[in-house]
Amino acid sequence: MFIEQSAAAQTAYAALAQAARQRDLQRSIADLPGGFVSKKIKGLQYWYYQYKMPDGQPQQIYVGPDDDSTQLLLSERHNPSAKQARSHLGTMCEAASVYGCYSVTPKHARVLARLADHGLFRAGGVLVGTHAYLSYQNRFGVLWKGGETTVDLDFAHPGRNISLAINNDFTIDAHAAIDSLKMGFLPVNAGTRYVKEDEPDFDLDFLTCIHRRGDEPVYIPQLNLTLQPLKFMEFSMQDPIVSVLIAASGPIVVNVPRPERYALAKLILYRERLDSRQPEKANKDLLQAATLIDYLGSSEPESLQGAWDDLLARGPGWRSRAKAGKDALHARYPEVGRMLAIA
């Protein structure tokens, strides 16, 4: 359900992603005296840049999980060749696109870049939905064969009750950032969605995990945003990763869900959307789950199985929905459906 990108495309994206993350980190810490520290959260290790505020209080900027790309990022902080690469990010984006890497459309890139520049992702924001799905292509060095149509931009934040590695006390004004675009976005649904009168399908949705008040919208002062809680979102929000989007205007560093968690969450969402009579969206969810599971089942089977085991262990409601999604997956994409085993 995917095709391999060329070796040139994969090499171009790898170089761009590293340079973009290095530039983003350097911008964040340029005038801050401090150093890198690591800590464990729920058994996993993460890296941060730690510094002190004028009042002596320590602050941390999230760098990433303790993986190969983050280690390379830390080692290249003072590397002259890395600095030279950062100065040519626009050219690197253009080259990656020419080689066939996936690029974000200009109007979506404009919104994403503005929110990134204002610090949404440093404040714990996560890009979710189809744009996250599309971003996995360059990370894996593939191109999906379907499931890519989208006009919305979906963002999520853990809110008040879920602790994420990337969540800290960094404060932004996301509403002001959206308003500064001058693109005609207006807040609706208690401010959880921004719409454009001249483009009725181009929405910005801000989501969070379900909380003790159910699906009542929750205002987050840290973001100056109101978020719409959704059931089952906490699964895909756990342990997100850093990704780099390609755009004509330059690279954009964002947080996205782990691909295995995104894929399995789509199986849950498939059942939910069928129940709410949204068959078109449900079918797109199933297709996205299938393409990701097809790739992960052969390339990263341990991470996929680990996430699947976690999903099944969350209780009977989770398990029944997961089984319904798997049954649908097996019926429509039998080779992919066999990659998931229910104990």
C-alpha atoms as a PDB file:
ATOM      1  CA  MET A   1       0.000   0.000   0.000  1.00  0.00           C
ATOM      2  CA  PHE A   2       3.032   2.257  -0.442  1.00  0.00           C
ATOM      3  CA  ILE A   3       5.951   2.747  -2.800  1.00  0.00           C
ATOM      4  CA  GLU A   4       9.558   3.445  -1.880  1.00  0.00           C
ATOM      5  CA  GLN A   5      10.929   6.925  -2.435  1.00  0.00           C
ATOM      6  CA  SER A   6      14.194   7.156  -4.356  1.00  0.00           C
ATOM      7  CA  ALA A   7      17.479   6.924  -2.482  1.00  0.00           C
ATOM      8  CA  ALA A   8      18.129  10.555  -3.430  1.00  0.00           C
ATOM      9  CA  ALA A   9      14.814  11.643  -1.879  1.00  0.00           C
ATOM     10  CA  GLN A  10      15.491   9.736   1.323  1.00  0.00           C
ATOM     11  CA  THR A  11      18.997  11.199   1.625  1.00  0.00           C
ATOM     12  CA  ALA A  12      17.762  14.724   0.919  1.00  0.00           C
ATOM     13  CA  TYR A  13      15.049  14.503   3.551  1.00  0.00           C
ATOM     14  CA  ALA A  14      17.356  13.024   6.198  1.00  0.00           C
ATOM     15  CA  ALA A  15      19.799  15.919   5.745  1.00  0.00           C
ATOM     16  CA  LEU A  16      17.007  18.498   5.756  1.00  0.00           C
ATOM     17  CA  ALA A  17      15.305  17.073   8.853  1.00  0.00           C
ATOM     18  CA  GLN A  18      18.532  17.115  10.843  1.00  0.00           C
ATOM     19  CA  ALA A  19      19.427  20.659   9.756  1.00  0.00           C
ATOM     20  CA  ALA A  20      15.907  21.957  10.427  1.00  0.00           C
ATOM     21  CA  ARG A  21      15.785  20.474  13.921  1.00  0.00           C
ATOM     22  CA  GLN A  22      19.235  21.871  14.645  1.00  0.00           C
ATOM     23  CA  ARG A  23      18.131  25.336  13.484  1.00  0.00           C
ATOM     24  CA  ASP A  24      14.931  25.128  15.528  1.00  0.00           C
ATOM     25  CA  LEU A  25      16.823  24.090  18.646  1.00  0.00           C
ATOM     26  CA  GLN A  26      19.470  26.771  18.139  1.00  0.00           C
ATOM     27  CA  ARG A  27      16.795  29.470  17.788  1.00  0.00           C
ATOM     28  CA  SER A  28      15.189  28.300  21.012  1.00  0.00           C
ATOM     29  CA  ILE A  29      18.370  28.362  23.101  1.00  0.00           C
ATOM     30  CA  ALA A  30      20.449  31.017  21.321  1.00  0.00           C
ATOM     31  CA  ASP A  31      20.448  33.494  24.208  1.00  0.00           C
ATOM     32  CA  LEU A  32      19.892  31.064  27.068  1.00  0.00           C
ATOM     33  CA  PRO A  33      22.804  29.905  29.215  1.00  0.00           C
ATOM     34  CA  GLY A  34      22.337  26.283  30.192  1.00  0.00           C
ATOM     35  CA  GLY A  35      22.909  22.727  29.060  1.00  0.00           C
ATOM     36  CA  PHE A  36      21.305  19.465  27.976  1.00  0.00           C
ATOM     37  CA  VAL A  37      19.760  17.143  30.553  1.00  0.00           C
ATOM     38  CA  SER A  38      17.831  13.902  30.291  1.00  0.00           C
ATOM     39  CA  LYS A  39      15.084  12.387  32.395  1.00  0.00           C
ATOM     40  CA  LYS A  40      12.876   9.309  32.376  1.00  0.00           C
ATOM     41  CA  ILE A  41       9.105   9.471  32.036  1.00  0.00           C
ATOM     42  CA  LYS A  42       7.131   6.235  32.282  1.00  0.00           C
ATOM     43  CA  GLY A  43      10.311   4.252  31.670  1.00  0.00           C
ATOM     44  CA  LEU A  44      11.363   6.176  28.543  1.00  0.00           C
ATOM     45  CA  GLN A  45      14.261   8.641  28.334  1.00  0.00           C
ATOM     46  CA  TYR A  46      13.954  12.183  26.914  1.00  0.00           C
ATOM     47  CA  TRP A  47      16.350  15.082  26.369  1.00  0.00           C
ATOM     48  CA  TYR A  48      15.805  18.761  27.259  1.00  0.00           C
ATOM     49  CA  TYR A  49      17.765  21.981  27.234  1.00  0.00           C
ATOM     50  CA  GLN A  50      17.656  23.336  30.801  1.00  0.00           C
ATOM     51  CA  TYR A  51      18.222  26.951  31.800  1.00  0.00           C
ATOM     52  CA  LYS A  52      17.266  29.282  34.626  1.00  0.00           C
ATOM     53  CA  MET A  53      14.845  32.192  34.585  1.00  0.00           C
ATOM     54  CA  PRO A  54      15.936  35.522  36.138  1.00  0.00           C
ATOM     55  CA  ASP A  55      14.156  34.521  39.349  1.00  0.00           C
ATOM     56  CA  GLY A  56      16.261  31.363  39.529  1.00  0.00           C
ATOM     57  CA  GLN A  57      13.481  28.967  38.552  1.00  0.00           C
ATOM     58  CA  PRO A  58      14.637  26.178  36.166  1.00  0.00           C
ATOM     59  CA  GLN A  59      12.955  25.897  32.761  1.00  0.00           C
ATOM     60  CA  GLN A  60      13.302  23.199  30.123  1.00  0.00           C
ATOM     61  CA  ILE A  61      12.894  23.134  26.336  1.00  0.00           C
ATOM     62  CA  TYR A  62      12.013  19.751  24.875  1.00  0.00           C
ATOM     63  CA  VAL A  63      14.594  18.347  22.432  1.00  0.00           C
ATOM     64  CA  GLY A  64      13.337  14.823  21.766  1.00  0.00           C
ATOM     65  CA  PRO A  65      13.293  11.168  22.829  1.00  0.00           C
ATOM     66  CA  ASP A  66      16.605   9.428  23.356  1.00  0.00           C
ATOM     67  CA  ASP A  67      16.906   8.035  19.828  1.00  0.00           C
ATOM     68  CA  ASP A  68      19.562   8.182  17.116  1.00  0.00           C
ATOM     69  CA  SER A  69      18.283  11.418  15.566  1.00  0.00           C
ATOM     70  CA  THR A  70      18.239  13.234  18.910  1.00  0.00           C
ATOM     71  CA  GLN A  71      21.724  11.991  19.778  1.00  0.00           C
ATOM     72  CA  LEU A  72      22.960  13.273  16.425  1.00  0.00           C
ATOM     73  CA  LEU A  73      21.233  16.584  17.104  1.00  0.00           C
ATOM     74  CA  LEU A  74      23.061  16.957  20.425  1.00  0.00           C
ATOM     75  CA  SER A  75      26.434  16.021  18.953  1.00  0.00           C
ATOM     76  CA  GLU A  76      26.124  18.506  16.068  1.00  0.00           C
ATOM     77  CA  ARG A  77      25.260  21.547  18.155  1.00  0.00           C
ATOM     78  CA  HIS A  78      28.708  23.075  17.566  1.00  0.00           C
ATOM     79  CA  ASN A  79      29.504  21.358  14.252  1.00  0.00           C
ATOM     80  CA  PRO A  80      30.486  23.974  11.567  1.00  0.00           C
ATOM     81  CA  SER A  81      29.125  21.813   8.741  1.00  0.00           C
ATOM     82  CA  ALA A  82      25.740  21.599  10.490  1.00  0.00           C
ATOM     83  CA  LYS A  83      25.652  25.392  10.785  1.00  0.00           C
ATOM     84  CA  GLN A  84      26.409  25.704   7.082  1.00  0.00           C
ATOM     85  CA  ALA A  85      23.594  23.290   6.253  1.00  0.00           C
ATOM     86  CA  ARG A  86      21.142  25.315   8.346  1.00  0.00           C
ATOM     87  CA  SER A  87      21.875  28.392   6.244  1.00  0.00           C
ATOM     88  CA  HIS A  88      20.643  26.576   3.115  1.00  0.00           C
ATOM     89  CA  LEU A  89      17.364  25.193   4.418  1.00  0.00           C
ATOM     90  CA  GLY A  90      15.307  26.709   1.620  1.00  0.00           C
ATOM     91  CA  THR A  91      17.507  25.118  -1.020  1.00  0.00           C
ATOM     92  CA  MET A  92      17.397  21.812   0.839  1.00  0.00           C
ATOM     93  CA  CYS A  93      13.566  21.932   0.904  1.00  0.00           C
ATOM     94  CA  GLU A  94      13.451  22.606  -2.819  1.00  0.00           C
ATOM     95  CA  ALA A  95      15.837  19.744  -3.559  1.00  0.00           C
ATOM     96  CA  ALA A  96      13.870  17.279  -1.413  1.00  0.00           C
ATOM     97  CA  SER A  97      10.651  18.253  -3.197  1.00  0.00           C
ATOM     98  CA  VAL A  98      12.261  17.855  -6.620  1.00  0.00           C
ATOM     99  CA  TYR A  99      13.423  14.369  -5.649  1.00  0.00           C
ATOM    100  CA  GLY A 100       9.828  13.432  -4.810  1.00  0.00           C
ATOM    101  CA  CYS A 101       9.412  14.017  -1.072  1.00  0.00           C
ATOM    102  CA  TYR A 102       5.972  14.978   0.183  1.00  0.00           C
ATOM    103  CA  SER A 103       5.460  18.757   0.602  1.00  0.00           C
ATOM    104  CA  VAL A 104       2.756  20.646   2.499  1.00  0.00           C
ATOM    105  CA  THR A 105       0.483  22.857   0.405  1.00  0.00           C
ATOM    106  CA  PRO A 106       1.300  26.590   0.721  1.00  0.00           C
ATOM    107  CA  LYS A 107      -1.868  27.665   2.553  1.00  0.00           C
ATOM    108  CA  HIS A 108      -1.527  24.879   5.117  1.00  0.00           C
ATOM    109  CA  ALA A 109       2.195  25.562   5.473  1.00  0.00           C
ATOM    110  CA  ARG A 110       1.474  29.213   6.212  1.00  0.00           C
ATOM    111  CA  VAL A 111      -0.723  28.315   9.188  1.00  0.00           C
ATOM    112  CA  LEU A 112       1.601  25.610  10.450  1.00  0.00           C
ATOM    113  CA  ALA A 113       4.673  27.839  10.229  1.00  0.00           C
ATOM    114  CA  ARG A 114       2.973  30.700  12.065  1.00  0.00           C
ATOM    115  CA  LEU A 115       1.838  28.485  14.936  1.00  0.00           C
ATOM    116  CA  ALA A 116       5.258  26.824  15.084  1.00  0.00           C
ATOM    117  CA  ASP A 117       7.006  30.215  15.165  1.00  0.00           C
ATOM    118  CA  HIS A 118       4.735  31.304  18.029  1.00  0.00           C
ATOM    119  CA  GLY A 119       5.681  28.152  19.973  1.00  0.00           C
ATOM    120  CA  LEU A 120       2.602  25.918  19.782  1.00  0.00           C
ATOM    121  CA  PHE A 121       4.672  22.758  19.525  1.00  0.00           C
ATOM    122  CA  ARG A 122       7.155  23.837  22.185  1.00  0.00           C
ATOM    123  CA  ALA A 123       4.143  24.340  24.460  1.00  0.00           C
ATOM    124  CA  GLY A 124       3.019  20.730  24.013  1.00  0.00           C
ATOM    125  CA  GLY A 125       0.954  20.991  20.835  1.00  0.00           C
ATOM    126  CA  VAL A 126       0.777  17.961  18.538  1.00  0.00           C
ATOM    127  CA  LEU A 127      -0.176  17.945  14.853  1.00  0.00           C
ATOM    128  CA  VAL A 128      -2.757  15.196  14.392  1.00  0.00           C
ATOM    129  CA  GLY A 129      -5.114  14.029  11.658  1.00  0.00           C
ATOM    130  CA  THR A 130      -4.250  13.541   8.007  1.00  0.00           C
ATOM    131  CA  HIS A 131      -1.359  16.008   8.019  1.00  0.00           C
ATOM    132  CA  ALA A 132       0.409  13.843  10.593  1.00  0.00           C
ATOM    133  CA  TYR A 133      -0.338  10.783   8.445  1.00  0.00           C
ATOM    134  CA  LEU A 134       1.153  12.490   5.393  1.00  0.00           C
ATOM    135  CA  SER A 135       4.246  13.537   7.336  1.00  0.00           C
ATOM    136  CA  TYR A 136       5.175   9.904   8.019  1.00  0.00           C
ATOM    137  CA  GLN A 137       5.927   9.394   4.316  1.00  0.00           C
ATOM    138  CA  ASN A 138       9.194  11.323   4.366  1.00  0.00           C
ATOM    139  CA  ARG A 139      10.178   9.835   7.720  1.00  0.00           C
ATOM    140  CA  PHE A 140       9.804   6.317   6.294  1.00  0.00           C
ATOM    141  CA  GLY A 141      11.048   7.133   2.790  1.00  0.00           C
ATOM    142  CA  VAL A 142       7.781   6.060   1.145  1.00  0.00           C
ATOM    143  CA  LEU A 143       4.736   7.483  -0.600  1.00  0.00           C
ATOM    144  CA  TRP A 144       1.240   6.309   0.371  1.00  0.00           C
ATOM    145  CA  LYS A 145      -1.103   5.030  -2.318  1.00  0.00           C
ATOM    146  CA  GLY A 146      -4.216   6.579  -0.758  1.00  0.00           C
ATOM    147  CA  GLY A 147      -5.899   8.167   2.250  1.00  0.00           C
ATOM    148  CA  GLU A 148      -4.326  11.581   1.770  1.00  0.00           C
ATOM    149  CA  THR A 149      -7.209  13.944   0.945  1.00  0.00           C
ATOM    150  CA  THR A 150      -7.629  16.692   3.525  1.00  0.00           C
ATOM    151  CA  VAL A 151      -8.464  20.372   3.803  1.00  0.00           C
ATOM    152  CA  ASP A 152      -8.505  20.699   7.599  1.00  0.00           C
ATOM    153  CA  LEU A 153      -5.679  21.217  10.047  1.00  0.00           C
ATOM    154  CA  ASP A 154      -6.048  19.325  13.330  1.00  0.00           C
ATOM    155  CA  PHE A 155      -4.037  20.080  16.463  1.00  0.00           C
ATOM    156  CA  ALA A 156      -4.120  18.473  19.882  1.00  0.00           C
ATOM    157  CA  HIS A 157      -2.753  19.203  23.344  1.00  0.00           C
ATOM    158  CA  PRO A 158      -2.769  16.980  26.429  1.00  0.00           C
ATOM    159  CA  GLY A 159      -4.760  19.545  28.383  1.00  0.00           C
ATOM    160  CA  ARG A 160      -4.897  19.478  32.171  1.00  0.00           C
ATOM    161  CA  ASN A 161      -4.953  15.820  33.054  1.00  0.00           C
ATOM    162  CA  ILE A 162      -2.438  14.045  30.798  1.00  0.00           C
ATOM    163  CA  SER A 163       1.313  14.419  31.304  1.00  0.00           C
ATOM    164  CA  LEU A 164       3.478  14.335  28.180  1.00  0.00           C
ATOM    165  CA  ALA A 165       7.245  14.550  27.813  1.00  0.00           C
ATOM    166  CA  ILE A 166       6.901  17.672  25.644  1.00  0.00           C
ATOM    167  CA  ASN A 167       4.454  19.472  27.918  1.00  0.00           C
ATOM    168  CA  ASN A 168       5.975  22.261  30.025  1.00  0.00           C
ATOM    169  CA  ASP A 169       5.192  25.759  31.294  1.00  0.00           C
ATOM    170  CA  PHE A 170       5.949  27.454  27.963  1.00  0.00           C
ATOM    171  CA  THR A 171       3.140  29.965  27.341  1.00  0.00           C
ATOM    172  CA  ILE A 172       1.896  31.247  23.977  1.00  0.00           C
ATOM    173  CA  ASP A 173      -1.065  33.153  22.565  1.00  0.00           C
ATOM    174  CA  ALA A 174      -2.302  30.840  19.831  1.00  0.00           C
ATOM    175  CA  HIS A 175      -5.389  32.951  19.191  1.00  0.00           C
ATOM    176  CA  ALA A 176      -3.198  35.984  18.470  1.00  0.00           C
ATOM    177  CA  ALA A 177      -1.010  33.869  16.187  1.00  0.00           C
ATOM    178  CA  ILE A 178      -4.040  32.779  14.137  1.00  0.00           C
ATOM    179  CA  ASP A 179      -5.386  36.314  14.022  1.00  0.00           C
ATOM    180  CA  SER A 180      -2.011  37.632  12.817  1.00  0.00           C
ATOM    181  CA  LEU A 181      -2.308  35.491   9.686  1.00  0.00           C
ATOM    182  CA  LYS A 182      -5.038  37.827   8.398  1.00  0.00           C
ATOM    183  CA  MET A 183      -6.570  34.880   6.544  1.00  0.00           C
ATOM    184  CA  GLY A 184     -10.102  35.398   7.829  1.00  0.00           C
ATOM    185  CA  PHE A 185     -10.265  32.633  10.436  1.00  0.00           C
ATOM    186  CA  LEU A 186     -13.093  33.059  12.949  1.00  0.00           C
ATOM    187  CA  PRO A 187     -13.511  31.056  16.193  1.00  0.00           C
ATOM    188  CA  VAL A 188     -16.658  28.924  16.544  1.00  0.00           C
ATOM    189  CA  ASN A 189     -17.785  26.054  18.799  1.00  0.00           C
ATOM    190  CA  ALA A 190     -16.661  27.877  21.945  1.00  0.00           C
ATOM    191  CA  GLY A 191     -13.343  28.625  20.237  1.00  0.00           C
ATOM    192  CA  THR A 192     -12.357  24.999  19.635  1.00  0.00           C
ATOM    193  CA  ARG A 193     -12.576  25.472  15.851  1.00  0.00           C
ATOM    194  CA  TYR A 194     -11.575  28.277  13.493  1.00  0.00           C
ATOM    195  CA  VAL A 195     -13.374  28.570  10.159  1.00  0.00           C
ATOM    196  CA  LYS A 196     -13.057  30.670   6.990  1.00  0.00           C
ATOM    197  CA  GLU A 197     -16.195  32.044   5.383  1.00  0.00           C
ATOM    198  CA  ASP A 198     -14.581  31.999   1.928  1.00  0.00           C
ATOM    199  CA  GLU A 199     -13.279  28.421   2.354  1.00  0.00           C
ATOM    200  CA  PRO A 200     -15.919  26.520   4.341  1.00  0.00           C
ATOM    201  CA  ASP A 201     -13.882  23.291   4.357  1.00  0.00           C
ATOM    202  CA  PHE A 202     -10.611  24.841   5.586  1.00  0.00           C
ATOM    203  CA  ASP A 203     -10.978  24.511   9.360  1.00  0.00           C
ATOM    204  CA  LEU A 204      -8.517  24.579  12.240  1.00  0.00           C
ATOM    205  CA  ASP A 205      -9.570  22.158  14.977  1.00  0.00           C
ATOM    206  CA  PHE A 206      -8.053  22.105  18.472  1.00  0.00           C
ATOM    207  CA  LEU A 207      -8.548  18.896  20.427  1.00  0.00           C
ATOM    208  CA  THR A 208      -7.608  17.340  23.750  1.00  0.00           C
ATOM    209  CA  CYS A 209      -8.111  14.183  25.781  1.00  0.00           C
ATOM    210  CA  ILE A 210     -11.403  13.511  27.544  1.00  0.00           C
ATOM    211  CA  HIS A 211     -11.556  14.852  31.102  1.00  0.00           C
ATOM    212  CA  ARG A 212     -13.748  14.582  34.182  1.00  0.00           C
ATOM    213  CA  ARG A 213     -16.388  16.860  32.668  1.00  0.00           C
ATOM    214  CA  GLY A 214     -16.761  14.666  29.610  1.00  0.00           C
ATOM    215  CA  ASP A 215     -16.785  16.421  26.257  1.00  0.00           C
ATOM    216  CA  GLU A 216     -17.211  19.933  27.655  1.00  0.00           C
ATOM    217  CA  PRO A 217     -14.705  22.288  25.934  1.00  0.00           C
ATOM    218  CA  VAL A 218     -11.767  23.202  28.167  1.00  0.00           C
ATOM    219  CA  TYR A 219      -9.888  26.501  28.136  1.00  0.00           C
ATOM    220  CA  ILE A 220      -6.080  26.261  28.442  1.00  0.00           C
ATOM    221  CA  PRO A 221      -4.590  29.603  29.596  1.00  0.00           C
ATOM    222  CA  GLN A 222      -1.108  28.367  28.649  1.00  0.00           C
ATOM    223  CA  LEU A 223      -2.209  28.469  24.988  1.00  0.00           C
ATOM    224  CA  ASN A 224      -5.037  31.020  25.120  1.00  0.00           C
ATOM    225  CA  LEU A 225      -7.107  28.360  23.370  1.00  0.00           C
ATOM    226  CA  THR A 226     -10.214  26.315  24.057  1.00  0.00           C
ATOM    227  CA  LEU A 227      -9.915  22.617  23.216  1.00  0.00           C
ATOM    228  CA  GLN A 228     -12.560  20.044  22.317  1.00  0.00           C
ATOM    229  CA  PRO A 229     -12.150  16.775  24.274  1.00  0.00           C
ATOM    230  CA  LEU A 230     -12.394  13.529  22.304  1.00  0.00           C
ATOM    231  CA  LYS A 231     -12.740   9.998  23.620  1.00  0.00           C
ATOM    232  CA  PHE A 232      -9.759   7.674  23.198  1.00  0.00           C
ATOM    233  CA  MET A 233      -7.371  10.476  22.170  1.00  0.00           C
ATOM    234  CA  GLU A 234      -4.963   9.820  25.035  1.00  0.00           C
ATOM    235  CA  PHE A 235      -3.696   6.676  23.308  1.00  0.00           C
ATOM    236  CA  SER A 236      -2.313   8.505  20.269  1.00  0.00           C
ATOM    237  CA  MET A 237      -1.072  11.445  22.358  1.00  0.00           C
ATOM    238  CA  GLN A 238       1.273   9.283  24.433  1.00  0.00           C
ATOM    239  CA  ASP A 239       4.999   9.677  23.712  1.00  0.00           C
ATOM    240  CA  PRO A 240       4.827  11.817  20.515  1.00  0.00           C
ATOM    241  CA  ILE A 241       7.814  12.342  18.228  1.00  0.00           C
ATOM    242  CA  VAL A 242       9.393  15.329  16.482  1.00  0.00           C
ATOM    243  CA  SER A 243       8.922  15.567  12.717  1.00  0.00           C
ATOM    244  CA  VAL A 244       9.951  18.020  10.002  1.00  0.00           C
ATOM    245  CA  LEU A 245       7.500  19.095   7.310  1.00  0.00           C
ATOM    246  CA  ILE A 246       8.684  20.276   3.901  1.00  0.00           C
ATOM    247  CA  ALA A 247       7.182  23.463   2.478  1.00  0.00           C
ATOM    248  CA  ALA A 248       8.149  25.882  -0.285  1.00  0.00           C
ATOM    249  CA  SER A 249       8.620  28.546   2.398  1.00  0.00           C
ATOM    250  CA  GLY A 250      11.020  26.344   4.396  1.00  0.00           C
ATOM    251  CA  PRO A 251      10.944  23.412   6.833  1.00  0.00           C
ATOM    252  CA  ILE A 252       8.517  23.344   9.767  1.00  0.00           C
ATOM    253  CA  VAL A 253       9.373  21.448  12.955  1.00  0.00           C
ATOM    254  CA  VAL A 254       6.304  19.902  14.626  1.00  0.00           C
ATOM    255  CA  ASN A 255       5.283  17.169  17.046  1.00  0.00           C
ATOM    256  CA  VAL A 256       3.244  14.246  15.704  1.00  0.00           C
ATOM    257  CA  PRO A 257       1.886  11.034  17.270  1.00  0.00           C
ATOM    258  CA  ARG A 258       4.010   7.914  17.098  1.00  0.00           C
ATOM    259  CA  PRO A 259       2.966   6.268  13.804  1.00  0.00           C
ATOM    260  CA  GLU A 260       2.057   2.937  15.395  1.00  0.00           C
ATOM    261  CA  ARG A 261      -0.227   4.704  17.864  1.00  0.00           C
ATOM    262  CA  TYR A 262      -1.736   6.864  15.125  1.00  0.00           C
ATOM    263  CA  ALA A 263      -2.500   3.753  13.045  1.00  0.00           C
ATOM    264  CA  LEU A 264      -4.175   1.831  15.862  1.00  0.00           C
ATOM    265  CA  ALA A 265      -6.096   4.900  17.057  1.00  0.00           C
ATOM    266  CA  LYS A 266      -7.576   5.054  13.555  1.00  0.00           C
ATOM    267  CA  LEU A 267      -9.008   1.570  14.072  1.00  0.00           C
ATOM    268  CA  ILE A 268     -10.779   2.848  17.175  1.00  0.00           C
ATOM    269  CA  LEU A 269     -11.952   5.964  15.336  1.00  0.00           C
ATOM    270  CA  TYR A 270     -13.253   3.826  12.470  1.00  0.00           C
ATOM    271  CA  ARG A 271     -15.756   2.162  14.778  1.00  0.00           C
ATOM    272  CA  GLU A 272     -16.729   5.464  16.408  1.00  0.00           C
ATOM    273  CA  ARG A 273     -17.422   7.110  13.052  1.00  0.00           C
ATOM    274  CA  LEU A 274     -19.473   4.206  11.808  1.00  0.00           C
ATOM    275  CA  ASP A 275     -21.588   4.464  14.939  1.00  0.00           C
ATOM    276  CA  SER A 276     -22.069   8.204  14.309  1.00  0.00           C
ATOM    277  CA  ARG A 277     -22.971   7.579  10.652  1.00  0.00           C
ATOM    278  CA  GLN A 278     -19.872   9.068   9.031  1.00  0.00           C
ATOM    279  CA  PRO A 279     -18.993   6.224   6.623  1.00  0.00           C
ATOM    280  CA  GLU A 280     -16.794   8.334   4.324  1.00  0.00           C
ATOM    281  CA  LYS A 281     -14.563   9.470   7.179  1.00  0.00           C
ATOM    282  CA  ALA A 282     -14.607   5.967   8.672  1.00  0.00           C
ATOM    283  CA  ASN A 283     -13.361   4.484   5.402  1.00  0.00           C
ATOM    284  CA  LYS A 284     -10.554   7.042   5.241  1.00  0.00           C
ATOM    285  CA  ASP A 285      -9.567   6.138   8.817  1.00  0.00           C
ATOM    286  CA  LEU A 286      -9.436   2.459   7.879  1.00  0.00           C
ATOM    287  CA  LEU A 287      -7.342   3.162   4.782  1.00  0.00           C
ATOM    288  CA  GLN A 288      -4.849   5.250   6.760  1.00  0.00           C
ATOM    289  CA  ALA A 289      -4.594   2.527   9.407  1.00  0.00           C
ATOM    290  CA  ALA A 290      -4.050  -0.092   6.712  1.00  0.00           C
ATOM    291  CA  THR A 291      -1.239   1.754   4.929  1.00  0.00           C
ATOM    292  CA  LEU A 292       0.623   2.431   8.177  1.00  0.00           C
ATOM    293  CA  ILE A 293       0.175  -1.101   9.491  1.00  0.00           C
ATOM    294  CA  ASP A 294       1.305  -2.459   6.117  1.00  0.00           C
ATOM    295  CA  TYR A 295       4.572  -0.527   6.473  1.00  0.00           C
ATOM    296  CA  LEU A 296       5.093  -0.971  10.207  1.00  0.00           C
ATOM    297  CA  GLY A 297       4.205  -4.661  10.191  1.00  0.00           C
ATOM    298  CA  SER A 298       7.236  -5.418   8.031  1.00  0.00           C
ATOM    299  CA  SER A 299       9.613  -2.603   9.046  1.00  0.00           C
ATOM    300  CA  GLU A 300       8.909  -2.007  12.757  1.00  0.00           C
ATOM    301  CA  PRO A 301       6.875  -5.017  13.946  1.00  0.00           C
ATOM    302  CA  GLU A 302       7.976  -4.779  17.576  1.00  0.00           C
ATOM    303  CA  SER A 303       6.799  -1.182  18.007  1.00  0.00           C
ATOM    304  CA  LEU A 304       3.504  -2.017  16.296  1.00  0.00           C
ATOM    305  CA  GLN A 305       2.904  -5.081  18.465  1.00  0.00           C
ATOM    306  CA  GLY A 306       3.849  -3.191  21.628  1.00  0.00           C
ATOM    307  CA  ALA A 307       1.304  -0.471  20.889  1.00  0.00           C
ATOM    308  CA  TRP A 308      -1.326  -3.087  20.001  1.00  0.00           C
ATOM    309  CA  ASP A 309      -0.757  -4.905  23.293  1.00  0.00           C
ATOM    310  CA  ASP A 310      -1.079  -1.584  25.149  1.00  0.00           C
ATOM    311  CA  LEU A 311      -4.344  -0.842  23.361  1.00  0.00           C
ATOM    312  CA  LEU A 312      -5.856  -4.223  24.201  1.00  0.00           C
ATOM    313  CA  ALA A 313      -4.861  -3.896  27.862  1.00  0.00           C
ATOM    314  CA  ARG A 314      -6.817  -0.645  28.364  1.00  0.00           C
ATOM    315  CA  GLY A 315     -10.127  -2.281  29.159  1.00  0.00           C
ATOM    316  CA  PRO A 316     -13.134  -3.957  27.535  1.00  0.00           C
ATOM    317  CA  GLY A 317     -14.357  -0.801  25.756  1.00  0.00           C
ATOM    318  CA  TRP A 318     -11.001  -0.302  24.091  1.00  0.00           C
ATOM    319  CA  ARG A 319     -10.689  -4.005  23.303  1.00  0.00           C
ATOM    320  CA  SER A 320     -14.119  -4.340  21.685  1.00  0.00           C
ATOM    321  CA  ARG A 321     -13.537  -1.323  19.454  1.00  0.00           C
ATOM    322  CA  ALA A 322     -10.049  -2.527  18.559  1.00  0.00           C
ATOM    323  CA  LYS A 323     -11.444  -5.920  17.579  1.00  0.00           C
ATOM    324  CA  ALA A 324     -14.173  -4.295  15.453  1.00  0.00           C
ATOM    325  CA  GLY A 325     -11.558  -2.194  13.688  1.00  0.00           C
ATOM    326  CA  LYS A 326      -9.295  -5.203  13.161  1.00  0.00           C
ATOM    327  CA  ASP A 327     -12.191  -7.256  11.757  1.00  0.00           C
ATOM    328  CA  ALA A 328     -12.971  -4.487   9.264  1.00  0.00           C
ATOM    329  CA  LEU A 329      -9.284  -4.231   8.399  1.00  0.00           C
ATOM    330  CA  HIS A 330      -9.060  -7.964   7.798  1.00  0.00           C
ATOM    331  CA  ALA A 331     -12.209  -7.969   5.662  1.00  0.00           C
ATOM    332  CA  ARG A 332     -11.011  -5.161   3.399  1.00  0.00           C
ATOM    333  CA  TYR A 333      -7.234  -5.631   3.529  1.00  0.00           C
ATOM    334  CA  PRO A 334      -6.719  -9.277   4.605  1.00  0.00           C
ATOM    335  CA  GLU A 335      -2.926  -9.320   4.229  1.00  0.00           C
ATOM    336  CA  VAL A 336      -2.638  -6.264   6.481  1.00  0.00           C
ATOM    337  CA  GLY A 337      -5.223  -7.497   8.986  1.00  0.00           C
ATOM    338  CA  ARG A 338      -3.158 -10.614   9.658  1.00  0.00           C
ATOM    339  CA  MET A 339      -0.328  -8.432  10.996  1.00  0.00           C
ATOM    340  CA  LEU A 340      -2.280  -7.826  14.224  1.00  0.00           C
ATOM    341  CA  ALA A 341      -2.851 -10.633  16.688  1.00  0.00           C
ATOM    342  CA  ILE A 342      -5.418 -10.559  19.496  1.00  0.00           C
ATOM    343  CA  ALA A 343      -4.271 -12.644  22.449  1.00  0.00           C
END
